[in-house]
Amino acid sequence: RVLFRSDFPVNVMDVVLMGRFGRLGWFRRPSAEDRAVARSSLEKVGMLPYAHRQIADLSGGQQQRVFLARALAQESDLYFMDEPFTGVDAATESAIVTLLHELRDRGKTILVVHHDLPTARNYFDLLLLLNMRVVAFGPTDEVFTYELLQRTYGGRLTILSEVADAVRRGGP
């Protein structure tokens, strides 16, 4: 028999509590403190009202918020996020950026894989440009330049020229 996702319903709170498993170990159950951290994490991403819904019943953007809450529940000093803005609307993206800035202001380190060049300048303090090797790393204003973007992307992306022209003119 093939098992499908619906055979194992998982609610949102369970997903966020998975972020606490590193602190729990294999055989301990989540404590009241773990549940409070999970609730707080859901509240920070605006998903507390969905705590008892099935994760599979949420939209892609809502799921992305839940996964961010799971990461927050870890209470880590380092967060690595792969495309956290994928599949979310503008309001959710703004809320995520605000949350990332709050984490930064609390001394946390956040590494974000991000390919949306027009927003990079506004979202991040430091940039690392990669093309099979490190092309550049440093403060956004120093790294987000026409020349370095050309070295990173070459002529492969048509939008690159538009972004690079905007950068050269000092725009977004």
N, C-alpha and C. Protein backbone atom coordinates (compact mmCIF):
# COMPACT_ATOMS: atom_id res chain seq x y z
N ARG A 1 0.85 -1.18 0.00
CA ARG A 1 0.00 0.00 0.00
C ARG A 1 0.89 1.24 0.00
N VAL A 2 0.53 2.20 -0.80
CA VAL A 2 1.25 3.47 -0.85
C VAL A 2 0.61 4.41 0.15
N LEU A 3 1.44 5.04 0.97
CA LEU A 3 0.94 5.99 1.96
C LEU A 3 1.05 7.40 1.41
N PHE A 4 -0.03 8.14 1.53
CA PHE A 4 -0.04 9.51 1.07
C PHE A 4 0.04 10.45 2.26
N ARG A 5 0.34 11.70 1.97
CA ARG A 5 0.49 12.70 3.01
C ARG A 5 -0.73 12.75 3.92
N SER A 6 -1.91 12.61 3.33
CA SER A 6 -3.14 12.70 4.13
C SER A 6 -3.29 11.54 5.11
N ASP A 7 -2.50 10.46 4.94
CA ASP A 7 -2.56 9.35 5.89
C ASP A 7 -1.94 9.72 7.23
N PHE A 8 -1.13 10.77 7.25
CA PHE A 8 -0.46 11.21 8.46
C PHE A 8 -0.71 12.68 8.69
N PRO A 9 -1.92 13.03 9.13
CA PRO A 9 -2.22 14.45 9.30
C PRO A 9 -1.33 15.08 10.37
N VAL A 10 -0.77 16.21 10.03
CA VAL A 10 0.11 16.93 10.95
C VAL A 10 -0.43 18.35 11.05
N ASN A 11 -0.66 18.79 12.28
CA ASN A 11 -1.17 20.15 12.41
C ASN A 11 -0.01 21.14 12.54
N VAL A 12 -0.35 22.39 12.40
CA VAL A 12 0.63 23.47 12.38
C VAL A 12 1.47 23.49 13.66
N MET A 13 0.83 23.33 14.81
CA MET A 13 1.57 23.36 16.08
C MET A 13 2.61 22.24 16.12
N ASP A 14 2.27 21.07 15.61
CA ASP A 14 3.23 19.97 15.58
C ASP A 14 4.44 20.31 14.72
N VAL A 15 4.19 20.97 13.59
CA VAL A 15 5.30 21.36 12.71
C VAL A 15 6.23 22.32 13.44
N VAL A 16 5.67 23.30 14.12
CA VAL A 16 6.50 24.28 14.83
C VAL A 16 7.23 23.62 16.00
N LEU A 17 6.58 22.70 16.68
CA LEU A 17 7.23 21.99 17.78
C LEU A 17 8.42 21.15 17.30
N MET A 18 8.44 20.79 16.02
CA MET A 18 9.60 20.08 15.47
C MET A 18 10.87 20.91 15.63
N GLY A 19 10.73 22.22 15.66
CA GLY A 19 11.87 23.09 15.89
C GLY A 19 12.47 22.95 17.27
N ARG A 20 11.74 22.36 18.17
CA ARG A 20 12.22 22.17 19.55
C ARG A 20 12.88 20.81 19.76
N PHE A 21 12.80 19.92 18.79
CA PHE A 21 13.29 18.55 18.97
C PHE A 21 14.77 18.49 19.29
N GLY A 22 15.56 19.41 18.76
CA GLY A 22 16.99 19.41 19.05
C GLY A 22 17.27 19.63 20.53
N ARG A 23 16.39 20.31 21.21
CA ARG A 23 16.53 20.55 22.65
C ARG A 23 15.92 19.42 23.48
N LEU A 24 14.98 18.70 22.88
CA LEU A 24 14.26 17.67 23.61
C LEU A 24 15.00 16.33 23.68
N GLY A 25 15.65 15.97 22.61
CA GLY A 25 16.21 14.62 22.55
C GLY A 25 15.16 13.67 21.99
N TRP A 26 15.49 12.41 21.99
CA TRP A 26 14.64 11.41 21.32
C TRP A 26 13.36 11.07 22.06
N PHE A 27 13.36 11.01 23.37
CA PHE A 27 12.23 10.41 24.06
C PHE A 27 11.46 11.36 24.97
N ARG A 28 11.85 12.62 25.02
CA ARG A 28 11.12 13.57 25.85
C ARG A 28 9.99 14.20 25.06
N ARG A 29 8.91 14.46 25.74
CA ARG A 29 7.77 15.13 25.12
C ARG A 29 7.94 16.64 25.31
N PRO A 30 7.37 17.43 24.41
CA PRO A 30 7.46 18.89 24.56
C PRO A 30 6.85 19.35 25.88
N SER A 31 7.56 20.22 26.55
CA SER A 31 7.10 20.76 27.84
C SER A 31 6.18 21.95 27.62
N ALA A 32 5.67 22.48 28.70
CA ALA A 32 4.84 23.69 28.62
C ALA A 32 5.68 24.85 28.07
N GLU A 33 6.96 24.91 28.43
CA GLU A 33 7.84 25.96 27.91
C GLU A 33 8.01 25.80 26.39
N ASP A 34 8.20 24.56 25.92
CA ASP A 34 8.34 24.32 24.48
C ASP A 34 7.08 24.76 23.75
N ARG A 35 5.93 24.46 24.30
CA ARG A 35 4.67 24.87 23.68
C ARG A 35 4.51 26.39 23.68
N ALA A 36 4.97 27.04 24.75
CA ALA A 36 4.90 28.51 24.82
C ALA A 36 5.81 29.13 23.75
N VAL A 37 7.00 28.56 23.56
CA VAL A 37 7.92 29.06 22.53
C VAL A 37 7.28 28.86 21.15
N ALA A 38 6.66 27.72 20.93
CA ALA A 38 6.01 27.45 19.65
C ALA A 38 4.86 28.42 19.40
N ARG A 39 4.05 28.68 20.42
CA ARG A 39 2.95 29.64 20.30
C ARG A 39 3.49 31.03 19.99
N SER A 40 4.52 31.43 20.70
CA SER A 40 5.12 32.74 20.48
C SER A 40 5.67 32.85 19.05
N SER A 41 6.29 31.79 18.57
CA SER A 41 6.85 31.79 17.21
C SER A 41 5.73 31.91 16.18
N LEU A 42 4.64 31.20 16.39
CA LEU A 42 3.50 31.30 15.48
C LEU A 42 2.90 32.70 15.51
N GLU A 43 2.85 33.29 16.69
CA GLU A 43 2.31 34.63 16.82
C GLU A 43 3.18 35.64 16.06
N LYS A 44 4.50 35.48 16.12
CA LYS A 44 5.41 36.40 15.44
C LYS A 44 5.23 36.40 13.93
N VAL A 45 4.80 35.28 13.39
CA VAL A 45 4.60 35.19 11.93
C VAL A 45 3.12 35.29 11.55
N GLY A 46 2.27 35.61 12.52
CA GLY A 46 0.85 35.82 12.24
C GLY A 46 0.07 34.55 11.96
N MET A 47 0.54 33.41 12.48
CA MET A 47 -0.12 32.14 12.18
C MET A 47 -0.71 31.45 13.41
N LEU A 48 -0.72 32.11 14.56
CA LEU A 48 -1.28 31.48 15.76
C LEU A 48 -2.73 31.03 15.59
N PRO A 49 -3.59 31.78 14.89
CA PRO A 49 -4.97 31.32 14.71
C PRO A 49 -5.07 30.00 13.93
N TYR A 50 -4.00 29.60 13.24
CA TYR A 50 -4.01 28.38 12.43
C TYR A 50 -3.33 27.21 13.14
N ALA A 51 -3.02 27.36 14.41
CA ALA A 51 -2.22 26.37 15.14
C ALA A 51 -2.79 24.95 15.07
N HIS A 52 -4.10 24.80 15.01
CA HIS A 52 -4.69 23.46 15.02
C HIS A 52 -5.17 23.00 13.65
N ARG A 53 -4.85 23.77 12.62
CA ARG A 53 -5.17 23.35 11.25
C ARG A 53 -4.12 22.38 10.74
N GLN A 54 -4.50 21.62 9.74
CA GLN A 54 -3.55 20.71 9.10
C GLN A 54 -2.63 21.52 8.19
N ILE A 55 -1.35 21.24 8.24
CA ILE A 55 -0.37 21.97 7.43
C ILE A 55 -0.69 21.83 5.94
N ALA A 56 -1.17 20.68 5.54
CA ALA A 56 -1.48 20.44 4.12
C ALA A 56 -2.64 21.29 3.63
N ASP A 57 -3.46 21.82 4.53
CA ASP A 57 -4.61 22.62 4.15
C ASP A 57 -4.28 24.11 3.98
N LEU A 58 -3.04 24.49 4.25
CA LEU A 58 -2.65 25.89 4.16
C LEU A 58 -2.15 26.23 2.77
N SER A 59 -2.18 27.51 2.44
CA SER A 59 -1.61 27.97 1.17
C SER A 59 -0.09 27.89 1.26
N GLY A 60 0.56 28.05 0.13
CA GLY A 60 2.02 28.02 0.10
C GLY A 60 2.64 29.11 0.97
N GLY A 61 2.07 30.29 0.91
CA GLY A 61 2.57 31.39 1.73
C GLY A 61 2.38 31.15 3.21
N GLN A 62 1.23 30.58 3.57
CA GLN A 62 0.99 30.25 4.98
C GLN A 62 1.95 29.16 5.45
N GLN A 63 2.17 28.17 4.61
CA GLN A 63 3.14 27.13 4.96
C GLN A 63 4.52 27.72 5.17
N GLN A 64 4.91 28.66 4.32
CA GLN A 64 6.22 29.30 4.45
C GLN A 64 6.33 30.01 5.79
N ARG A 65 5.26 30.66 6.23
CA ARG A 65 5.26 31.32 7.53
C ARG A 65 5.40 30.30 8.66
N VAL A 66 4.73 29.16 8.53
CA VAL A 66 4.82 28.11 9.55
C VAL A 66 6.25 27.58 9.63
N PHE A 67 6.88 27.40 8.47
CA PHE A 67 8.25 26.90 8.47
C PHE A 67 9.20 27.92 9.09
N LEU A 68 8.91 29.20 8.89
CA LEU A 68 9.70 30.24 9.54
C LEU A 68 9.49 30.18 11.06
N ALA A 69 8.27 29.96 11.49
CA ALA A 69 7.98 29.82 12.92
C ALA A 69 8.74 28.63 13.50
N ARG A 70 8.81 27.53 12.75
CA ARG A 70 9.56 26.35 13.19
C ARG A 70 11.03 26.72 13.40
N ALA A 71 11.59 27.51 12.47
CA ALA A 71 12.98 27.94 12.62
C ALA A 71 13.14 28.83 13.85
N LEU A 72 12.20 29.75 14.07
CA LEU A 72 12.26 30.63 15.23
C LEU A 72 12.19 29.84 16.53
N ALA A 73 11.41 28.77 16.54
CA ALA A 73 11.24 27.96 17.75
C ALA A 73 12.55 27.29 18.17
N GLN A 74 13.49 27.19 17.27
CA GLN A 74 14.78 26.60 17.62
C GLN A 74 15.59 27.51 18.53
N GLU A 75 15.26 28.80 18.53
CA GLU A 75 15.97 29.81 19.32
C GLU A 75 17.47 29.71 19.07
N SER A 76 17.83 29.72 17.81
CA SER A 76 19.20 29.56 17.37
C SER A 76 19.91 30.91 17.30
N ASP A 77 21.23 30.86 17.21
CA ASP A 77 22.02 32.07 16.96
C ASP A 77 22.30 32.24 15.48
N LEU A 78 22.10 31.17 14.71
CA LEU A 78 22.36 31.19 13.28
C LEU A 78 21.16 30.60 12.54
N TYR A 79 20.66 31.33 11.56
CA TYR A 79 19.54 30.87 10.74
C TYR A 79 20.00 30.84 9.29
N PHE A 80 19.76 29.73 8.63
CA PHE A 80 20.05 29.61 7.20
C PHE A 80 18.74 29.38 6.50
N MET A 81 18.38 30.27 5.58
CA MET A 81 17.08 30.20 4.92
C MET A 81 17.27 30.16 3.41
N ASP A 82 16.65 29.19 2.79
CA ASP A 82 16.73 29.03 1.35
C ASP A 82 15.46 29.57 0.72
N GLU A 83 15.55 30.73 0.11
CA GLU A 83 14.43 31.37 -0.59
C GLU A 83 13.19 31.50 0.30
N PRO A 84 13.28 32.20 1.43
CA PRO A 84 12.13 32.30 2.32
C PRO A 84 10.96 33.11 1.75
N PHE A 85 11.18 33.84 0.66
CA PHE A 85 10.12 34.68 0.09
C PHE A 85 9.39 34.00 -1.06
N THR A 86 9.78 32.78 -1.39
CA THR A 86 9.14 32.07 -2.50
C THR A 86 7.70 31.71 -2.15
N GLY A 87 6.79 32.04 -3.03
CA GLY A 87 5.40 31.65 -2.87
C GLY A 87 4.61 32.47 -1.87
N VAL A 88 5.15 33.64 -1.48
CA VAL A 88 4.42 34.46 -0.51
C VAL A 88 3.98 35.76 -1.18
N ASP A 89 2.94 36.36 -0.63
CA ASP A 89 2.47 37.63 -1.17
C ASP A 89 3.34 38.77 -0.62
N ALA A 90 3.10 39.98 -1.11
CA ALA A 90 3.92 41.13 -0.74
C ALA A 90 3.84 41.43 0.76
N ALA A 91 2.65 41.28 1.35
CA ALA A 91 2.50 41.55 2.78
C ALA A 91 3.29 40.55 3.61
N THR A 92 3.25 39.28 3.21
CA THR A 92 4.01 38.25 3.93
C THR A 92 5.50 38.49 3.77
N GLU A 93 5.92 38.84 2.56
CA GLU A 93 7.34 39.12 2.32
C GLU A 93 7.81 40.26 3.21
N SER A 94 7.02 41.31 3.30
CA SER A 94 7.37 42.44 4.16
C SER A 94 7.46 42.02 5.63
N ALA A 95 6.52 41.19 6.06
CA ALA A 95 6.53 40.72 7.45
C ALA A 95 7.76 39.86 7.73
N ILE A 96 8.15 39.04 6.76
CA ILE A 96 9.34 38.20 6.93
C ILE A 96 10.59 39.07 7.01
N VAL A 97 10.69 40.07 6.14
CA VAL A 97 11.85 40.97 6.17
C VAL A 97 11.94 41.68 7.51
N THR A 98 10.81 42.15 8.00
CA THR A 98 10.79 42.82 9.31
C THR A 98 11.27 41.87 10.40
N LEU A 99 10.80 40.63 10.36
CA LEU A 99 11.21 39.64 11.35
C LEU A 99 12.71 39.34 11.25
N LEU A 100 13.24 39.23 10.03
CA LEU A 100 14.67 38.99 9.85
C LEU A 100 15.48 40.16 10.41
N HIS A 101 15.02 41.37 10.20
CA HIS A 101 15.72 42.53 10.75
C HIS A 101 15.67 42.54 12.28
N GLU A 102 14.55 42.10 12.85
CA GLU A 102 14.45 42.01 14.31
C GLU A 102 15.45 40.98 14.85
N LEU A 103 15.56 39.84 14.16
CA LEU A 103 16.53 38.82 14.57
C LEU A 103 17.95 39.39 14.50
N ARG A 104 18.26 40.08 13.41
CA ARG A 104 19.58 40.71 13.25
C ARG A 104 19.84 41.68 14.39
N ASP A 105 18.85 42.49 14.73
CA ASP A 105 19.01 43.48 15.79
C ASP A 105 19.20 42.84 17.16
N ARG A 106 18.78 41.58 17.31
CA ARG A 106 18.99 40.83 18.55
C ARG A 106 20.30 40.06 18.52
N GLY A 107 21.13 40.32 17.50
CA GLY A 107 22.45 39.70 17.44
C GLY A 107 22.49 38.35 16.76
N LYS A 108 21.43 37.96 16.11
CA LYS A 108 21.39 36.68 15.39
C LYS A 108 22.04 36.84 14.02
N THR A 109 22.58 35.76 13.50
CA THR A 109 23.15 35.74 12.16
C THR A 109 22.17 35.04 11.24
N ILE A 110 21.85 35.67 10.12
CA ILE A 110 20.89 35.11 9.18
C ILE A 110 21.55 35.05 7.80
N LEU A 111 21.61 33.85 7.23
CA LEU A 111 22.10 33.66 5.87
C LEU A 111 20.90 33.32 5.02
N VAL A 112 20.68 34.08 3.96
CA VAL A 112 19.49 33.90 3.13
C VAL A 112 19.93 33.71 1.68
N VAL A 113 19.48 32.62 1.07
CA VAL A 113 19.64 32.44 -0.36
C VAL A 113 18.51 33.23 -1.01
N HIS A 114 18.89 34.13 -1.91
CA HIS A 114 17.90 35.06 -2.48
C HIS A 114 18.32 35.39 -3.91
N HIS A 115 17.40 35.29 -4.85
CA HIS A 115 17.73 35.54 -6.25
C HIS A 115 16.99 36.74 -6.84
N ASP A 116 16.21 37.43 -6.05
CA ASP A 116 15.45 38.57 -6.54
C ASP A 116 16.31 39.83 -6.42
N LEU A 117 17.06 40.10 -7.47
CA LEU A 117 18.03 41.19 -7.43
C LEU A 117 17.44 42.55 -7.08
N PRO A 118 16.27 42.92 -7.61
CA PRO A 118 15.76 44.26 -7.29
C PRO A 118 15.52 44.50 -5.79
N THR A 119 15.27 43.48 -5.01
CA THR A 119 15.01 43.68 -3.58
C THR A 119 16.25 43.51 -2.71
N ALA A 120 17.31 42.97 -3.26
CA ALA A 120 18.50 42.65 -2.45
C ALA A 120 19.06 43.88 -1.74
N ARG A 121 19.11 44.98 -2.43
CA ARG A 121 19.69 46.20 -1.82
C ARG A 121 18.89 46.64 -0.60
N ASN A 122 17.58 46.49 -0.64
CA ASN A 122 16.74 46.95 0.46
C ASN A 122 16.65 45.95 1.62
N TYR A 123 16.91 44.69 1.36
CA TYR A 123 16.68 43.67 2.38
C TYR A 123 17.91 43.30 3.19
N PHE A 124 19.11 43.42 2.60
CA PHE A 124 20.28 42.80 3.23
C PHE A 124 21.41 43.79 3.47
N ASP A 125 22.11 43.60 4.58
CA ASP A 125 23.25 44.43 4.95
C ASP A 125 24.52 44.04 4.20
N LEU A 126 24.69 42.73 4.01
CA LEU A 126 25.86 42.18 3.35
C LEU A 126 25.41 41.28 2.21
N LEU A 127 26.21 41.22 1.15
CA LEU A 127 25.90 40.32 0.04
C LEU A 127 27.10 39.44 -0.26
N LEU A 128 26.79 38.22 -0.66
CA LEU A 128 27.79 37.28 -1.15
C LEU A 128 27.33 36.88 -2.55
N LEU A 129 28.11 37.26 -3.55
CA LEU A 129 27.78 36.92 -4.93
C LEU A 129 28.59 35.69 -5.32
N LEU A 130 27.89 34.66 -5.82
CA LEU A 130 28.53 33.40 -6.18
C LEU A 130 28.29 33.06 -7.64
N ASN A 131 29.29 32.53 -8.29
CA ASN A 131 29.17 31.93 -9.60
C ASN A 131 30.24 30.86 -9.68
N MET A 132 29.95 29.71 -9.11
CA MET A 132 30.88 28.60 -9.00
C MET A 132 32.03 28.91 -8.03
N ARG A 133 32.19 30.14 -7.69
CA ARG A 133 33.19 30.60 -6.73
C ARG A 133 32.70 31.93 -6.17
N VAL A 134 33.37 32.43 -5.17
CA VAL A 134 32.99 33.73 -4.61
C VAL A 134 33.43 34.82 -5.58
N VAL A 135 32.48 35.60 -6.03
CA VAL A 135 32.77 36.74 -6.89
C VAL A 135 33.02 37.97 -6.03
N ALA A 136 32.20 38.16 -5.01
CA ALA A 136 32.34 39.32 -4.13
C ALA A 136 31.60 39.06 -2.83
N PHE A 137 32.08 39.70 -1.78
CA PHE A 137 31.41 39.66 -0.48
C PHE A 137 31.68 40.98 0.22
N GLY A 138 30.64 41.53 0.83
CA GLY A 138 30.81 42.76 1.60
C GLY A 138 29.52 43.51 1.76
N PRO A 139 29.63 44.75 2.24
CA PRO A 139 28.44 45.58 2.42
C PRO A 139 27.68 45.72 1.10
N THR A 140 26.38 45.71 1.18
CA THR A 140 25.52 45.75 0.00
C THR A 140 25.87 46.89 -0.94
N ASP A 141 26.09 48.08 -0.40
CA ASP A 141 26.39 49.23 -1.26
C ASP A 141 27.68 49.05 -2.04
N GLU A 142 28.63 48.28 -1.50
CA GLU A 142 29.90 48.06 -2.20
C GLU A 142 29.84 46.90 -3.18
N VAL A 143 29.00 45.91 -2.90
CA VAL A 143 28.97 44.68 -3.69
C VAL A 143 27.91 44.72 -4.79
N PHE A 144 26.83 45.42 -4.55
CA PHE A 144 25.72 45.45 -5.50
C PHE A 144 25.99 46.50 -6.57
N THR A 145 26.94 46.17 -7.44
CA THR A 145 27.36 47.11 -8.49
C THR A 145 27.17 46.46 -9.85
N TYR A 146 27.10 47.30 -10.86
CA TYR A 146 26.96 46.83 -12.23
C TYR A 146 28.08 45.84 -12.59
N GLU A 147 29.30 46.21 -12.31
CA GLU A 147 30.45 45.39 -12.68
C GLU A 147 30.41 44.02 -12.00
N LEU A 148 30.12 44.00 -10.70
CA LEU A 148 30.11 42.73 -9.97
C LEU A 148 28.91 41.86 -10.37
N LEU A 149 27.78 42.48 -10.66
CA LEU A 149 26.63 41.71 -11.15
C LEU A 149 26.94 41.11 -12.51
N GLN A 150 27.62 41.86 -13.37
CA GLN A 150 28.01 41.33 -14.69
C GLN A 150 28.97 40.15 -14.52
N ARG A 151 29.93 40.28 -13.60
CA ARG A 151 30.88 39.17 -13.36
C ARG A 151 30.16 37.95 -12.79
N THR A 152 29.13 38.18 -12.02
CA THR A 152 28.39 37.07 -11.41
C THR A 152 27.51 36.37 -12.42
N TYR A 153 26.74 37.14 -13.18
CA TYR A 153 25.73 36.57 -14.07
C TYR A 153 26.13 36.55 -15.54
N GLY A 154 27.13 37.32 -15.92
CA GLY A 154 27.48 37.38 -17.34
C GLY A 154 26.31 37.92 -18.12
N GLY A 155 26.08 37.42 -19.33
CA GLY A 155 24.96 37.89 -20.14
C GLY A 155 23.80 36.93 -20.13
N ARG A 156 23.75 36.02 -19.17
CA ARG A 156 22.76 34.95 -19.19
C ARG A 156 21.36 35.37 -18.80
N LEU A 157 21.21 36.42 -18.04
CA LEU A 157 19.88 36.80 -17.58
C LEU A 157 19.46 38.11 -18.24
N THR A 158 18.32 38.10 -18.87
CA THR A 158 17.86 39.32 -19.54
C THR A 158 17.48 40.40 -18.53
N ILE A 159 16.95 40.01 -17.40
CA ILE A 159 16.57 41.02 -16.41
C ILE A 159 17.81 41.65 -15.79
N LEU A 160 18.94 40.95 -15.88
CA LEU A 160 20.16 41.48 -15.29
C LEU A 160 20.50 42.85 -15.84
N SER A 161 20.36 43.02 -17.13
CA SER A 161 20.72 44.31 -17.72
C SER A 161 19.83 45.42 -17.17
N GLU A 162 18.55 45.13 -16.97
CA GLU A 162 17.66 46.13 -16.40
C GLU A 162 18.04 46.46 -14.96
N VAL A 163 18.34 45.42 -14.18
CA VAL A 163 18.75 45.63 -12.79
C VAL A 163 20.07 46.37 -12.74
N ALA A 164 21.02 45.94 -13.58
CA ALA A 164 22.34 46.57 -13.59
C ALA A 164 22.23 48.04 -14.00
N ASP A 165 21.36 48.36 -14.95
CA ASP A 165 21.17 49.75 -15.35
C ASP A 165 20.59 50.57 -14.19
N ALA A 166 19.64 49.97 -13.47
CA ALA A 166 19.07 50.64 -12.31
C ALA A 166 20.14 50.86 -11.24
N VAL A 167 21.01 49.88 -11.04
CA VAL A 167 22.09 50.01 -10.07
C VAL A 167 23.03 51.14 -10.50
N ARG A 168 23.38 51.14 -11.77
CA ARG A 168 24.30 52.16 -12.29
C ARG A 168 23.71 53.57 -12.10
N ARG A 169 22.38 53.69 -12.24
CA ARG A 169 21.71 54.99 -12.07
C ARG A 169 21.45 55.30 -10.60
N GLY A 170 21.74 54.34 -9.71
CA GLY A 170 21.51 54.56 -8.28
C GLY A 170 20.09 54.28 -7.85
N GLY A 171 19.32 53.55 -8.67
CA GLY A 171 17.94 53.21 -8.33
C GLY A 171 17.87 52.01 -7.44
N PRO A 172 16.69 51.34 -7.39
CA PRO A 172 16.50 50.20 -6.50
C PRO A 172 17.42 49.10 -6.88
